[in-house]
Amino acid sequence: MRAILTVYRRELKAYFDTPIAAIFIAILVGLLSYFLFKGSLFFANERAEMRIFFQQMPLVLMVFAPVITMRLWADELRVGTAEILGSLPMRTRSVVLGKYLAALTVLGAALVCTLGVPIAIGQLGSPDWGPIIGGYLGSFLLGGFFIALGCWASSLSENQVISMLIGVFVGVVFTFILGPTLAGIVSGESATLARWIEGLSVLSHFGSIERGVLAMSDVVYFAAGTIFFLALNVFQVEWKRY
């Protein structure tokens, strides 16, 4: 635990000592607010809800999570400090978890900064708070999934841009290709296979949480996906070390 906290503090300090965290938070809040109030014609519809806000969350996090994680391992590989970390008396999984939790904290800070939106909506009308609470819970689970994916992608290359592009590409696969695209292709051959493929999609699991329906299968999906990519991250770092 001490090793995880040491890495966590180091990475979190690196985020907030540079404009990275502030820029990410500002863009995320601004972009989602734009989709809600301008893109969805919120005031014209006269509905006190945040459906559009959360519907855009997978697309936004799919891109921005790899952006905030691309430097976590790519920088270590580029300057050679990954070898120094490997020589320290701490397990690789502790380093991976410390870096992951630091990036997750930045995401959590960004989501907290958007709380002004539901507060304002509550002043304007009487929203259904169930979908809003579910949307925030789903956004955090979804963000944790994409951040774990981004951490793994960052460990694949010492080039930050390449790491980011890999993270975004795999995110597109889990969001769109494994969902409606591939399911639509095979639906004519096997409806069962189509449903199974759609069940691998981020959208199918986030959608139910965003509507305020918290199913254990959705929580397990995001938790299992997060653990899977963190395990890949550990394996990749260990493989590069030896």
C-alpha atoms as a PDB file:
ATOM      1  CA  MET A   1       0.000   0.000   0.000  1.00  0.00           C
ATOM      2  CA  ARG A   2       2.852   2.400   0.780  1.00  0.00           C
ATOM      3  CA  ALA A   3       4.354   1.845  -2.672  1.00  0.00           C
ATOM      4  CA  ILE A   4       0.996   2.549  -4.334  1.00  0.00           C
ATOM      5  CA  LEU A   5       0.598   5.783  -2.367  1.00  0.00           C
ATOM      6  CA  THR A   6       4.149   6.878  -3.225  1.00  0.00           C
ATOM      7  CA  VAL A   7       3.546   6.441  -6.953  1.00  0.00           C
ATOM      8  CA  TYR A   8       0.075   7.946  -6.654  1.00  0.00           C
ATOM      9  CA  ARG A   9       1.368  11.136  -5.027  1.00  0.00           C
ATOM     10  CA  ARG A  10       4.177  11.424  -7.566  1.00  0.00           C
ATOM     11  CA  GLU A  11       1.864  11.128 -10.553  1.00  0.00           C
ATOM     12  CA  LEU A  12      -0.872  13.319  -9.103  1.00  0.00           C
ATOM     13  CA  LYS A  13       1.690  16.043  -8.399  1.00  0.00           C
ATOM     14  CA  ALA A  14       2.908  15.753 -12.000  1.00  0.00           C
ATOM     15  CA  TYR A  15      -0.668  16.257 -13.236  1.00  0.00           C
ATOM     16  CA  PHE A  16      -1.328  19.372 -11.186  1.00  0.00           C
ATOM     17  CA  ASP A  17       2.171  20.874 -11.441  1.00  0.00           C
ATOM     18  CA  THR A  18       1.539  21.151 -15.188  1.00  0.00           C
ATOM     19  CA  PRO A  19      -1.545  22.441 -17.045  1.00  0.00           C
ATOM     20  CA  ILE A  20      -2.539  18.890 -18.072  1.00  0.00           C
ATOM     21  CA  ALA A  21      -5.190  18.330 -15.395  1.00  0.00           C
ATOM     22  CA  ALA A  22      -6.601  21.853 -15.592  1.00  0.00           C
ATOM     23  CA  ILE A  23      -6.883  21.746 -19.386  1.00  0.00           C
ATOM     24  CA  PHE A  24      -8.514  18.306 -19.321  1.00  0.00           C
ATOM     25  CA  ILE A  25     -11.043  19.354 -16.692  1.00  0.00           C
ATOM     26  CA  ALA A  26     -11.873  22.630 -18.459  1.00  0.00           C
ATOM     27  CA  ILE A  27     -12.357  20.984 -21.857  1.00  0.00           C
ATOM     28  CA  LEU A  28     -14.412  18.107 -20.455  1.00  0.00           C
ATOM     29  CA  VAL A  29     -16.735  20.411 -18.513  1.00  0.00           C
ATOM     30  CA  GLY A  30     -17.046  22.868 -21.402  1.00  0.00           C
ATOM     31  CA  LEU A  31     -17.669  20.218 -24.042  1.00  0.00           C
ATOM     32  CA  LEU A  32     -20.311  18.308 -22.074  1.00  0.00           C
ATOM     33  CA  SER A  33     -22.039  21.541 -21.072  1.00  0.00           C
ATOM     34  CA  TYR A  34     -22.129  22.587 -24.715  1.00  0.00           C
ATOM     35  CA  PHE A  35     -23.736  19.302 -25.752  1.00  0.00           C
ATOM     36  CA  LEU A  36     -26.365  19.707 -23.040  1.00  0.00           C
ATOM     37  CA  PHE A  37     -27.307  23.374 -23.251  1.00  0.00           C
ATOM     38  CA  LYS A  38     -26.584  24.216 -26.884  1.00  0.00           C
ATOM     39  CA  GLY A  39     -26.338  21.004 -28.869  1.00  0.00           C
ATOM     40  CA  SER A  40     -29.554  19.565 -27.356  1.00  0.00           C
ATOM     41  CA  LEU A  41     -31.499  22.851 -27.348  1.00  0.00           C
ATOM     42  CA  PHE A  42     -32.043  22.336 -23.628  1.00  0.00           C
ATOM     43  CA  PHE A  43     -34.050  25.485 -23.025  1.00  0.00           C
ATOM     44  CA  ALA A  44     -36.199  25.014 -26.139  1.00  0.00           C
ATOM     45  CA  ASN A  45     -37.134  21.479 -25.064  1.00  0.00           C
ATOM     46  CA  GLU A  46     -38.041  22.682 -21.558  1.00  0.00           C
ATOM     47  CA  ARG A  47     -37.036  19.361 -19.994  1.00  0.00           C
ATOM     48  CA  ALA A  48     -35.106  19.217 -16.720  1.00  0.00           C
ATOM     49  CA  GLU A  49     -32.953  16.231 -17.627  1.00  0.00           C
ATOM     50  CA  MET A  50     -29.337  15.372 -18.513  1.00  0.00           C
ATOM     51  CA  ARG A  51     -29.843  12.567 -21.013  1.00  0.00           C
ATOM     52  CA  ILE A  52     -27.811  14.239 -23.777  1.00  0.00           C
ATOM     53  CA  PHE A  53     -25.076  15.097 -21.262  1.00  0.00           C
ATOM     54  CA  PHE A  54     -24.564  11.435 -20.379  1.00  0.00           C
ATOM     55  CA  GLN A  55     -25.216  10.097 -23.864  1.00  0.00           C
ATOM     56  CA  GLN A  56     -22.120  11.959 -25.049  1.00  0.00           C
ATOM     57  CA  MET A  57     -19.994  10.686 -22.149  1.00  0.00           C
ATOM     58  CA  PRO A  58     -18.736   7.464 -23.868  1.00  0.00           C
ATOM     59  CA  LEU A  59     -17.585   9.402 -26.922  1.00  0.00           C
ATOM     60  CA  VAL A  60     -15.885  12.107 -24.853  1.00  0.00           C
ATOM     61  CA  LEU A  61     -14.151   9.739 -22.402  1.00  0.00           C
ATOM     62  CA  MET A  62     -13.148   7.382 -25.210  1.00  0.00           C
ATOM     63  CA  VAL A  63     -10.924  10.191 -26.528  1.00  0.00           C
ATOM     64  CA  PHE A  64      -9.942  12.109 -23.414  1.00  0.00           C
ATOM     65  CA  ALA A  65      -8.996   9.158 -21.176  1.00  0.00           C
ATOM     66  CA  PRO A  66      -6.123   8.107 -23.503  1.00  0.00           C
ATOM     67  CA  VAL A  67      -5.087  11.766 -23.674  1.00  0.00           C
ATOM     68  CA  ILE A  68      -4.558  12.064 -19.917  1.00  0.00           C
ATOM     69  CA  THR A  69      -2.897   8.638 -19.626  1.00  0.00           C
ATOM     70  CA  MET A  70      -0.631   8.709 -22.687  1.00  0.00           C
ATOM     71  CA  ARG A  71       2.328  10.118 -20.767  1.00  0.00           C
ATOM     72  CA  LEU A  72       2.122   7.792 -17.750  1.00  0.00           C
ATOM     73  CA  TRP A  73       4.307   5.031 -19.193  1.00  0.00           C
ATOM     74  CA  ALA A  74       5.422   6.515 -22.518  1.00  0.00           C
ATOM     75  CA  ASP A  75       7.512   9.151 -20.711  1.00  0.00           C
ATOM     76  CA  GLU A  76       9.033   6.535 -18.412  1.00  0.00           C
ATOM     77  CA  LEU A  77      10.034   4.445 -21.431  1.00  0.00           C
ATOM     78  CA  ARG A  78      11.361   7.427 -23.381  1.00  0.00           C
ATOM     79  CA  VAL A  79      13.671   8.795 -20.672  1.00  0.00           C
ATOM     80  CA  GLY A  80      14.567   5.397 -19.220  1.00  0.00           C
ATOM     81  CA  THR A  81      13.040   5.878 -15.767  1.00  0.00           C
ATOM     82  CA  ALA A  82      10.947   2.726 -16.256  1.00  0.00           C
ATOM     83  CA  GLU A  83      14.104   0.721 -15.619  1.00  0.00           C
ATOM     84  CA  ILE A  84      14.724   2.713 -12.437  1.00  0.00           C
ATOM     85  CA  LEU A  85      11.174   1.996 -11.251  1.00  0.00           C
ATOM     86  CA  GLY A  86      11.777  -1.664 -11.984  1.00  0.00           C
ATOM     87  CA  SER A  87      14.860  -1.679  -9.781  1.00  0.00           C
ATOM     88  CA  LEU A  88      13.046  -0.199  -6.785  1.00  0.00           C
ATOM     89  CA  PRO A  89      11.753  -2.502  -4.035  1.00  0.00           C
ATOM     90  CA  MET A  90       8.137  -2.344  -5.196  1.00  0.00           C
ATOM     91  CA  ARG A  91       6.024  -4.650  -7.302  1.00  0.00           C
ATOM     92  CA  THR A  92       5.037  -3.712 -10.827  1.00  0.00           C
ATOM     93  CA  ARG A  93       1.371  -3.952  -9.942  1.00  0.00           C
ATOM     94  CA  SER A  94       1.867  -1.338  -7.207  1.00  0.00           C
ATOM     95  CA  VAL A  95       3.358   1.096  -9.718  1.00  0.00           C
ATOM     96  CA  VAL A  96       0.565   0.361 -12.215  1.00  0.00           C
ATOM     97  CA  LEU A  97      -2.135   0.891  -9.581  1.00  0.00           C
ATOM     98  CA  GLY A  98      -0.523   4.113  -8.351  1.00  0.00           C
ATOM     99  CA  LYS A  99      -0.451   5.588 -11.844  1.00  0.00           C
ATOM    100  CA  TYR A 100      -3.981   4.389 -12.572  1.00  0.00           C
ATOM    101  CA  LEU A 101      -5.409   5.887  -9.385  1.00  0.00           C
ATOM    102  CA  ALA A 102      -3.745   9.229 -10.101  1.00  0.00           C
ATOM    103  CA  ALA A 103      -5.371   9.428 -13.535  1.00  0.00           C
ATOM    104  CA  LEU A 104      -8.680   8.259 -12.042  1.00  0.00           C
ATOM    105  CA  THR A 105      -8.474  11.091  -9.490  1.00  0.00           C
ATOM    106  CA  VAL A 106      -8.142  13.619 -12.311  1.00  0.00           C
ATOM    107  CA  LEU A 107     -11.250  12.146 -13.930  1.00  0.00           C
ATOM    108  CA  GLY A 108     -13.080  12.255 -10.594  1.00  0.00           C
ATOM    109  CA  ALA A 109     -12.127  15.926 -10.200  1.00  0.00           C
ATOM    110  CA  ALA A 110     -13.500  16.634 -13.683  1.00  0.00           C
ATOM    111  CA  LEU A 111     -16.812  14.944 -12.853  1.00  0.00           C
ATOM    112  CA  VAL A 112     -17.044  16.882  -9.586  1.00  0.00           C
ATOM    113  CA  CYS A 113     -16.561  20.106 -11.541  1.00  0.00           C
ATOM    114  CA  THR A 114     -19.636  19.246 -13.632  1.00  0.00           C
ATOM    115  CA  LEU A 115     -21.890  19.053 -10.560  1.00  0.00           C
ATOM    116  CA  GLY A 116     -22.843  22.652 -11.152  1.00  0.00           C
ATOM    117  CA  VAL A 117     -24.884  21.426 -14.120  1.00  0.00           C
ATOM    118  CA  PRO A 118     -27.393  19.257 -12.176  1.00  0.00           C
ATOM    119  CA  ILE A 119     -27.526  21.891  -9.427  1.00  0.00           C
ATOM    120  CA  ALA A 120     -28.503  24.511 -12.015  1.00  0.00           C
ATOM    121  CA  ILE A 121     -31.059  22.150 -13.565  1.00  0.00           C
ATOM    122  CA  GLY A 122     -32.522  21.548 -10.119  1.00  0.00           C
ATOM    123  CA  GLN A 123     -33.060  25.292  -9.784  1.00  0.00           C
ATOM    124  CA  LEU A 124     -34.751  25.478 -13.193  1.00  0.00           C
ATOM    125  CA  GLY A 125     -37.086  22.514 -12.790  1.00  0.00           C
ATOM    126  CA  SER A 126     -37.791  19.233 -11.046  1.00  0.00           C
ATOM    127  CA  PRO A 127     -35.486  16.631 -12.599  1.00  0.00           C
ATOM    128  CA  ASP A 128     -35.637  12.895 -11.990  1.00  0.00           C
ATOM    129  CA  TRP A 129     -32.534  12.433  -9.848  1.00  0.00           C
ATOM    130  CA  GLY A 130     -32.328   8.664 -10.378  1.00  0.00           C
ATOM    131  CA  PRO A 131     -30.981   8.845 -13.956  1.00  0.00           C
ATOM    132  CA  ILE A 132     -28.675  11.710 -12.986  1.00  0.00           C
ATOM    133  CA  ILE A 133     -27.122   9.786 -10.094  1.00  0.00           C
ATOM    134  CA  GLY A 134     -26.952   6.679 -12.277  1.00  0.00           C
ATOM    135  CA  GLY A 135     -25.337   8.710 -15.035  1.00  0.00           C
ATOM    136  CA  TYR A 136     -22.572   9.935 -12.737  1.00  0.00           C
ATOM    137  CA  LEU A 137     -21.969   6.460 -11.345  1.00  0.00           C
ATOM    138  CA  GLY A 138     -21.871   5.039 -14.864  1.00  0.00           C
ATOM    139  CA  SER A 139     -19.538   7.824 -16.000  1.00  0.00           C
ATOM    140  CA  PHE A 140     -17.089   7.016 -13.206  1.00  0.00           C
ATOM    141  CA  LEU A 141     -17.162   3.290 -14.012  1.00  0.00           C
ATOM    142  CA  LEU A 142     -16.832   4.031 -17.715  1.00  0.00           C
ATOM    143  CA  GLY A 143     -13.968   6.442 -17.077  1.00  0.00           C
ATOM    144  CA  GLY A 144     -12.181   3.875 -14.940  1.00  0.00           C
ATOM    145  CA  PHE A 145     -12.477   1.386 -17.796  1.00  0.00           C
ATOM    146  CA  PHE A 146     -11.090   3.801 -20.409  1.00  0.00           C
ATOM    147  CA  ILE A 147      -8.303   5.010 -18.108  1.00  0.00           C
ATOM    148  CA  ALA A 148      -7.164   1.419 -17.509  1.00  0.00           C
ATOM    149  CA  LEU A 149      -7.222   0.940 -21.281  1.00  0.00           C
ATOM    150  CA  GLY A 150      -5.191   4.141 -21.715  1.00  0.00           C
ATOM    151  CA  CYS A 151      -2.624   3.061 -19.115  1.00  0.00           C
ATOM    152  CA  TRP A 152      -2.082  -0.184 -21.001  1.00  0.00           C
ATOM    153  CA  ALA A 153      -1.818   1.664 -24.325  1.00  0.00           C
ATOM    154  CA  SER A 154       0.739   4.042 -22.802  1.00  0.00           C
ATOM    155  CA  SER A 155       2.974   1.098 -21.911  1.00  0.00           C
ATOM    156  CA  LEU A 156       3.101  -0.078 -25.538  1.00  0.00           C
ATOM    157  CA  SER A 157       5.206   2.756 -26.931  1.00  0.00           C
ATOM    158  CA  GLU A 158       7.562   5.488 -25.793  1.00  0.00           C
ATOM    159  CA  ASN A 159       5.809   7.840 -28.224  1.00  0.00           C
ATOM    160  CA  GLN A 160       2.903   9.576 -26.482  1.00  0.00           C
ATOM    161  CA  VAL A 161       0.956  10.225 -29.678  1.00  0.00           C
ATOM    162  CA  ILE A 162       1.170   6.581 -30.746  1.00  0.00           C
ATOM    163  CA  SER A 163       0.040   5.489 -27.284  1.00  0.00           C
ATOM    164  CA  MET A 164      -2.904   7.884 -27.444  1.00  0.00           C
ATOM    165  CA  LEU A 165      -3.936   6.690 -30.915  1.00  0.00           C
ATOM    166  CA  ILE A 166      -3.788   3.044 -29.823  1.00  0.00           C
ATOM    167  CA  GLY A 167      -5.928   3.862 -26.790  1.00  0.00           C
ATOM    168  CA  VAL A 168      -8.505   5.716 -28.882  1.00  0.00           C
ATOM    169  CA  PHE A 169      -8.599   2.934 -31.497  1.00  0.00           C
ATOM    170  CA  VAL A 170      -9.192   0.175 -28.930  1.00  0.00           C
ATOM    171  CA  GLY A 171     -11.792   2.417 -27.303  1.00  0.00           C
ATOM    172  CA  VAL A 172     -13.594   2.719 -30.645  1.00  0.00           C
ATOM    173  CA  VAL A 173     -13.527  -1.077 -30.941  1.00  0.00           C
ATOM    174  CA  PHE A 174     -15.158  -1.582 -27.543  1.00  0.00           C
ATOM    175  CA  THR A 175     -17.615   1.273 -28.018  1.00  0.00           C
ATOM    176  CA  PHE A 176     -18.812   0.873 -31.593  1.00  0.00           C
ATOM    177  CA  ILE A 177     -17.297  -2.056 -33.491  1.00  0.00           C
ATOM    178  CA  LEU A 178     -17.963  -4.749 -30.868  1.00  0.00           C
ATOM    179  CA  GLY A 179     -21.426  -3.302 -30.348  1.00  0.00           C
ATOM    180  CA  PRO A 180     -23.856  -2.141 -33.006  1.00  0.00           C
ATOM    181  CA  THR A 181     -21.510  -2.506 -35.988  1.00  0.00           C
ATOM    182  CA  LEU A 182     -20.449  -6.143 -35.614  1.00  0.00           C
ATOM    183  CA  ALA A 183     -23.756  -7.180 -34.025  1.00  0.00           C
ATOM    184  CA  GLY A 184     -25.591  -5.800 -37.042  1.00  0.00           C
ATOM    185  CA  ILE A 185     -23.355  -7.752 -39.417  1.00  0.00           C
ATOM    186  CA  VAL A 186     -23.894 -11.117 -37.728  1.00  0.00           C
ATOM    187  CA  SER A 187     -27.536 -10.603 -36.706  1.00  0.00           C
ATOM    188  CA  GLY A 188     -28.729 -12.171 -39.943  1.00  0.00           C
ATOM    189  CA  GLU A 189     -26.741 -15.336 -39.234  1.00  0.00           C
ATOM    190  CA  SER A 190     -27.285 -15.752 -35.515  1.00  0.00           C
ATOM    191  CA  ALA A 191     -29.380 -13.595 -33.214  1.00  0.00           C
ATOM    192  CA  THR A 192     -27.755 -15.224 -30.178  1.00  0.00           C
ATOM    193  CA  LEU A 193     -24.246 -14.381 -31.380  1.00  0.00           C
ATOM    194  CA  ALA A 194     -25.380 -10.823 -32.168  1.00  0.00           C
ATOM    195  CA  ARG A 195     -26.691 -10.369 -28.611  1.00  0.00           C
ATOM    196  CA  TRP A 196     -23.466 -11.808 -27.193  1.00  0.00           C
ATOM    197  CA  ILE A 197     -21.342  -9.436 -29.270  1.00  0.00           C
ATOM    198  CA  GLU A 198     -23.505  -6.466 -28.338  1.00  0.00           C
ATOM    199  CA  GLY A 199     -22.997  -7.451 -24.703  1.00  0.00           C
ATOM    200  CA  LEU A 200     -19.287  -6.731 -25.160  1.00  0.00           C
ATOM    201  CA  SER A 201     -20.012  -3.130 -26.101  1.00  0.00           C
ATOM    202  CA  VAL A 202     -19.446  -0.291 -23.669  1.00  0.00           C
ATOM    203  CA  LEU A 203     -22.630   1.397 -24.900  1.00  0.00           C
ATOM    204  CA  SER A 204     -24.944  -1.489 -24.010  1.00  0.00           C
ATOM    205  CA  HIS A 205     -23.783  -1.481 -20.380  1.00  0.00           C
ATOM    206  CA  PHE A 206     -23.436   2.260 -19.911  1.00  0.00           C
ATOM    207  CA  GLY A 207     -26.875   2.923 -21.357  1.00  0.00           C
ATOM    208  CA  SER A 208     -28.748   1.028 -18.670  1.00  0.00           C
ATOM    209  CA  ILE A 209     -26.795   2.678 -15.831  1.00  0.00           C
ATOM    210  CA  GLU A 210     -27.304   6.091 -17.414  1.00  0.00           C
ATOM    211  CA  ARG A 211     -31.077   5.494 -17.356  1.00  0.00           C
ATOM    212  CA  GLY A 212     -30.875   4.891 -13.605  1.00  0.00           C
ATOM    213  CA  VAL A 213     -30.984   1.078 -13.777  1.00  0.00           C
ATOM    214  CA  LEU A 214     -28.046  -0.308 -11.806  1.00  0.00           C
ATOM    215  CA  ALA A 215     -27.622  -3.942 -12.828  1.00  0.00           C
ATOM    216  CA  MET A 216     -24.885  -6.049 -11.312  1.00  0.00           C
ATOM    217  CA  SER A 217     -23.951  -7.333 -14.782  1.00  0.00           C
ATOM    218  CA  ASP A 218     -23.079  -3.784 -15.874  1.00  0.00           C
ATOM    219  CA  VAL A 219     -20.935  -3.127 -12.797  1.00  0.00           C
ATOM    220  CA  VAL A 220     -19.184  -6.475 -13.300  1.00  0.00           C
ATOM    221  CA  TYR A 221     -18.558  -5.637 -16.971  1.00  0.00           C
ATOM    222  CA  PHE A 222     -16.765  -2.374 -16.198  1.00  0.00           C
ATOM    223  CA  ALA A 223     -14.911  -3.810 -13.198  1.00  0.00           C
ATOM    224  CA  ALA A 224     -13.766  -6.854 -15.186  1.00  0.00           C
ATOM    225  CA  GLY A 225     -12.707  -4.688 -18.135  1.00  0.00           C
ATOM    226  CA  THR A 226     -10.724  -2.405 -15.837  1.00  0.00           C
ATOM    227  CA  ILE A 227      -8.963  -5.340 -14.167  1.00  0.00           C
ATOM    228  CA  PHE A 228      -8.275  -6.908 -17.569  1.00  0.00           C
ATOM    229  CA  PHE A 229      -6.495  -3.844 -18.955  1.00  0.00           C
ATOM    230  CA  LEU A 230      -4.597  -3.232 -15.711  1.00  0.00           C
ATOM    231  CA  ALA A 231      -3.404  -6.848 -15.860  1.00  0.00           C
ATOM    232  CA  LEU A 232      -2.301  -6.275 -19.463  1.00  0.00           C
ATOM    233  CA  ASN A 233      -0.476  -3.167 -18.278  1.00  0.00           C
ATOM    234  CA  VAL A 234       1.392  -5.154 -15.624  1.00  0.00           C
ATOM    235  CA  PHE A 235       2.245  -7.875 -18.144  1.00  0.00           C
ATOM    236  CA  GLN A 236       3.493  -5.349 -20.716  1.00  0.00           C
ATOM    237  CA  VAL A 237       5.729  -3.555 -18.205  1.00  0.00           C
ATOM    238  CA  GLU A 238       7.137  -6.847 -16.951  1.00  0.00           C
ATOM    239  CA  TRP A 239       7.740  -8.027 -20.518  1.00  0.00           C
ATOM    240  CA  LYS A 240       9.632  -4.848 -21.421  1.00  0.00           C
ATOM    241  CA  ARG A 241      11.716  -5.175 -18.271  1.00  0.00           C
ATOM    242  CA  TYR A 242      12.890  -8.701 -19.080  1.00  0.00           C
END
